[in-house]
Amino acid sequence: MNYGGREMNGRTRNILKNRFIANI
């Protein structure tokens, strides 16, 4: 899964990643 890491900041990626894990 790639949300366009170049455009997104590391923090934003971490938040999305954490939310994705929490949803499961």
N, C-alpha and C. Protein backbone atom coordinates (compact mmCIF):
# COMPACT_ATOMS: atom_id res chain seq x y z
N MET A 1 0.85 -1.20 0.00
CA MET A 1 0.00 0.00 0.00
C MET A 1 0.88 1.24 0.00
N ASN A 2 0.68 2.09 -0.98
CA ASN A 2 1.49 3.30 -1.07
C ASN A 2 0.58 4.51 -1.24
N TYR A 3 0.67 5.44 -0.27
CA TYR A 3 -0.17 6.64 -0.32
C TYR A 3 0.57 7.80 -0.98
N GLY A 4 1.57 7.50 -1.81
CA GLY A 4 2.36 8.59 -2.38
C GLY A 4 3.28 9.15 -1.33
N GLY A 5 4.16 8.32 -0.78
CA GLY A 5 5.01 8.71 0.34
C GLY A 5 5.80 9.98 0.06
N ARG A 6 6.13 10.26 -1.21
CA ARG A 6 6.92 11.45 -1.50
C ARG A 6 6.14 12.70 -1.16
N GLU A 7 4.83 12.70 -1.41
CA GLU A 7 4.03 13.89 -1.15
C GLU A 7 3.68 14.01 0.32
N MET A 8 3.48 12.88 0.98
CA MET A 8 3.07 12.92 2.38
C MET A 8 4.28 12.96 3.30
N ASN A 9 4.11 13.63 4.42
CA ASN A 9 5.16 13.69 5.42
C ASN A 9 5.22 12.37 6.18
N GLY A 10 6.36 12.08 6.80
CA GLY A 10 6.51 10.84 7.56
C GLY A 10 5.48 10.74 8.66
N ARG A 11 5.20 11.88 9.30
CA ARG A 11 4.22 11.86 10.40
C ARG A 11 2.85 11.48 9.87
N THR A 12 2.48 12.06 8.73
CA THR A 12 1.17 11.75 8.15
C THR A 12 1.08 10.27 7.82
N ARG A 13 2.16 9.72 7.26
CA ARG A 13 2.16 8.29 6.93
C ARG A 13 1.99 7.47 8.18
N ASN A 14 2.65 7.88 9.26
CA ASN A 14 2.55 7.12 10.50
C ASN A 14 1.13 7.17 11.05
N ILE A 15 0.48 8.32 10.97
CA ILE A 15 -0.89 8.44 11.45
C ILE A 15 -1.81 7.53 10.65
N LEU A 16 -1.69 7.57 9.31
CA LEU A 16 -2.53 6.72 8.47
C LEU A 16 -2.26 5.25 8.78
N LYS A 17 -0.98 4.92 8.97
CA LYS A 17 -0.60 3.54 9.25
C LYS A 17 -1.20 3.09 10.58
N ASN A 18 -1.11 3.95 11.59
CA ASN A 18 -1.65 3.61 12.90
C ASN A 18 -3.16 3.46 12.84
N ARG A 19 -3.83 4.34 12.12
CA ARG A 19 -5.29 4.25 12.00
C ARG A 19 -5.67 2.98 11.25
N PHE A 20 -4.90 2.63 10.22
CA PHE A 20 -5.19 1.43 9.45
C PHE A 20 -5.08 0.19 10.34
N ILE A 21 -4.04 0.16 11.17
CA ILE A 21 -3.85 -0.98 12.07
C ILE A 21 -4.97 -0.99 13.12
N ALA A 22 -5.34 0.19 13.64
CA ALA A 22 -6.37 0.27 14.66
C ALA A 22 -7.71 -0.21 14.11
N ASN A 23 -7.97 0.09 12.84
CA ASN A 23 -9.24 -0.33 12.24
C ASN A 23 -9.34 -1.84 12.16
N ILE A 24 -8.21 -2.52 12.01
CA ILE A 24 -8.23 -3.97 11.96
C ILE A 24 -8.31 -4.49 13.40
